[in-house]
């Protein structure tokens, strides 16, 4: 099953200068809890935005999609030059798309679930998540917290 996990502001911002524009420890824990033991797929910029000491993300199969032909990653990380090829290989497994904007835009119509952390603020950023089409997605679960909410969407 293909799922997307992302934190977004009220104006759909997900990043600024290749970093998260907020510090929400509960969101990082939520991300870890949901993706732990599963494959995570990301673009090259997202991979490079993770501090080296945390790469690859532990207890998860890390998959990087890049246009760069001979992109170097640690031995236990898979690299694909084609998003479709990566999705095809993992189509029978739980796969979490973890960024960035281009990968989200290419997978939102293929995903089965969205795990969204809604950050209750407008953020000045340079990277944005696509609009969530409420005709396609329905809210399945919500947990409201102080300043943010964990929301799960499923396909209608």
Protein backbone atom coordinates (compact mmCIF):
# COMPACT_ATOMS: atom_id res chain seq x y z
CA UNK A 1 0.00 0.00 0.00
CA UNK A 2 1.28 3.44 -0.94
CA UNK A 3 0.98 6.14 1.72
CA UNK A 4 2.18 9.71 1.97
CA UNK A 5 3.37 11.19 5.24
CA UNK A 6 3.99 14.93 5.53
CA UNK A 7 3.67 17.94 7.82
CA UNK A 8 2.03 20.96 6.19
CA UNK A 9 1.15 24.47 7.29
CA UNK A 10 -2.24 26.10 6.71
CA UNK A 11 -0.93 27.42 3.39
CA UNK A 12 0.44 23.96 2.40
CA UNK A 13 4.07 24.90 3.08
CA UNK A 14 6.32 21.90 3.75
CA UNK A 15 9.75 23.49 3.67
CA UNK A 16 12.06 26.44 3.42
CA UNK A 17 15.70 26.31 2.29
CA UNK A 18 15.54 22.48 2.19
CA UNK A 19 14.54 22.26 5.87
CA UNK A 20 11.38 21.99 7.94
CA UNK A 21 10.17 25.51 8.83
CA UNK A 22 9.12 24.43 12.36
CA UNK A 23 10.34 22.34 15.27
CA UNK A 24 7.66 19.94 16.48
CA UNK A 25 9.22 16.99 18.36
CA UNK A 26 5.83 15.23 18.56
CA UNK A 27 5.64 15.25 14.76
CA UNK A 28 9.08 13.64 14.45
CA UNK A 29 7.98 10.94 16.93
CA UNK A 30 4.73 10.44 14.99
CA UNK A 31 6.72 10.11 11.75
CA UNK A 32 9.04 7.56 13.34
CA UNK A 33 6.17 5.53 14.86
CA UNK A 34 4.24 5.33 11.58
CA UNK A 35 7.17 4.60 9.25
CA UNK A 36 9.16 2.32 11.56
CA UNK A 37 9.76 -1.08 9.97
CA UNK A 38 8.56 0.04 6.53
CA UNK A 39 10.14 1.31 3.33
CA UNK A 40 10.42 5.09 2.92
CA UNK A 41 10.76 6.71 -0.49
CA UNK A 42 12.20 10.18 -0.99
CA UNK A 43 13.78 12.43 -3.56
CA UNK A 44 17.44 13.37 -3.53
CA UNK A 45 16.86 16.76 -1.88
CA UNK A 46 14.90 15.19 0.97
CA UNK A 47 17.64 12.58 1.45
CA UNK A 48 20.28 15.31 1.58
CA UNK A 49 18.21 17.39 4.03
CA UNK A 50 18.44 14.59 6.62
CA UNK A 51 21.50 15.17 8.82
CA UNK A 52 24.20 12.62 7.93
CA UNK A 53 24.22 11.17 11.44
CA UNK A 54 20.55 10.16 10.96
CA UNK A 55 21.01 8.69 7.45
CA UNK A 56 19.78 6.24 6.51
CA UNK A 57 16.65 6.45 8.64
CA UNK A 58 17.03 3.50 11.03
CA UNK A 59 14.82 0.40 10.93
CA UNK A 60 13.40 1.43 7.55
CA UNK A 61 14.33 0.57 3.97
CA UNK A 62 15.50 3.91 2.54
CA UNK A 63 14.80 4.49 -1.16
CA UNK A 64 16.11 7.56 -2.98
CA UNK A 65 14.84 8.69 -6.37
CA UNK A 66 17.23 10.91 -8.33
CA UNK A 67 17.99 11.89 -11.90
CA UNK A 68 21.72 11.65 -11.11
CA UNK A 69 23.02 8.47 -12.78
CA UNK A 70 25.81 7.48 -10.37
CA UNK A 71 24.41 8.93 -7.15
CA UNK A 72 26.36 7.60 -4.16
CA UNK A 73 24.53 6.42 -1.05
CA UNK A 74 25.37 3.96 1.74
CA UNK A 75 25.28 0.29 0.78
CA UNK A 76 21.92 -0.44 2.44
CA UNK A 77 20.07 2.36 0.59
CA UNK A 78 18.41 1.78 -2.78
CA UNK A 79 18.64 4.36 -5.58
CA UNK A 80 16.28 4.60 -8.55
CA UNK A 81 16.45 6.94 -11.51
CA UNK A 82 12.75 6.34 -12.12
CA UNK A 83 9.95 6.90 -9.62
CA UNK A 84 7.75 4.42 -11.50
CA UNK A 85 10.43 1.74 -11.23
CA UNK A 86 10.67 2.21 -7.45
CA UNK A 87 6.88 2.17 -7.05
CA UNK A 88 6.63 -0.99 -9.16
CA UNK A 89 9.23 -2.81 -7.06
CA UNK A 90 7.44 -1.97 -3.80
CA UNK A 91 3.82 -2.25 -4.98
CA UNK A 92 3.10 -5.27 -2.75
CA UNK A 93 4.63 -3.71 0.38
CA UNK A 94 3.80 -0.81 2.66
CA UNK A 95 5.68 2.13 1.19
CA UNK A 96 5.72 5.63 2.68
CA UNK A 97 6.49 8.64 0.51
CA UNK A 98 8.35 11.13 2.72
CA UNK A 99 9.15 13.95 0.28
CA UNK A 100 9.86 16.23 -1.32
CA UNK A 101 7.42 18.38 -3.23
CA UNK A 102 8.02 16.86 -6.66
CA UNK A 103 7.72 13.29 -5.37
CA UNK A 104 4.55 14.20 -3.44
CA UNK A 105 3.03 15.79 -6.56
CA UNK A 106 3.78 12.67 -8.61
CA UNK A 107 2.41 10.21 -6.03
CA UNK A 108 -0.64 11.91 -4.48
CA UNK A 109 -2.93 10.50 -7.20
CA UNK A 110 -1.48 7.00 -6.68
CA UNK A 111 -1.53 6.91 -2.87
CA UNK A 112 -4.03 4.98 -0.76
CA UNK A 113 -3.58 6.96 2.47
CA UNK A 114 -2.32 10.35 3.58
CA UNK A 115 -0.82 10.87 7.03
CA UNK A 116 -0.84 14.63 7.46
CA UNK A 117 0.41 16.70 10.35
CA UNK A 118 -1.51 19.96 10.00
CA UNK A 119 0.56 22.77 11.51
CA UNK A 120 -1.85 25.48 12.67
CA UNK A 121 0.01 28.45 11.22
CA UNK A 122 0.77 30.15 7.95
CA UNK A 123 4.44 29.77 7.04
CA UNK A 124 6.70 31.68 4.70
CA UNK A 125 8.30 28.89 2.73
CA UNK A 126 9.54 27.90 -0.70
CA UNK A 127 8.25 24.32 -0.95
CA UNK A 128 4.59 23.33 -0.93
CA UNK A 129 2.37 20.24 -0.82
CA UNK A 130 -0.34 19.83 -3.48
CA UNK A 131 -3.93 20.67 -2.56
CA UNK A 132 -5.76 17.76 -0.94
CA UNK A 133 -8.83 17.23 -3.12
CA UNK A 134 -11.75 16.63 -0.71
CA UNK A 135 -13.66 14.99 -3.58
CA UNK A 136 -11.01 12.25 -3.62
CA UNK A 137 -9.91 12.10 0.03
CA UNK A 138 -11.96 11.72 3.19
CA UNK A 139 -10.80 12.30 6.71
CA UNK A 140 -10.56 8.96 8.52
CA UNK A 141 -8.99 10.04 11.81
CA UNK A 142 -7.98 13.24 13.58
CA UNK A 143 -6.05 13.93 16.76
CA UNK A 144 -5.92 17.59 17.72
CA UNK A 145 -2.88 18.74 19.68
CA UNK A 146 -1.56 22.11 20.82
CA UNK A 147 -0.69 23.97 17.61
CA UNK A 148 -1.05 21.03 15.23
CA UNK A 149 -3.25 18.04 14.36
CA UNK A 150 -2.49 14.52 13.18
CA UNK A 151 -4.93 13.73 10.37
CA UNK A 152 -5.29 10.55 8.36
CA UNK A 153 -7.07 10.58 5.01
CA UNK A 154 -8.20 7.63 2.96
CA UNK A 155 -9.43 7.39 -0.61
CA UNK A 156 -13.20 7.82 -0.98
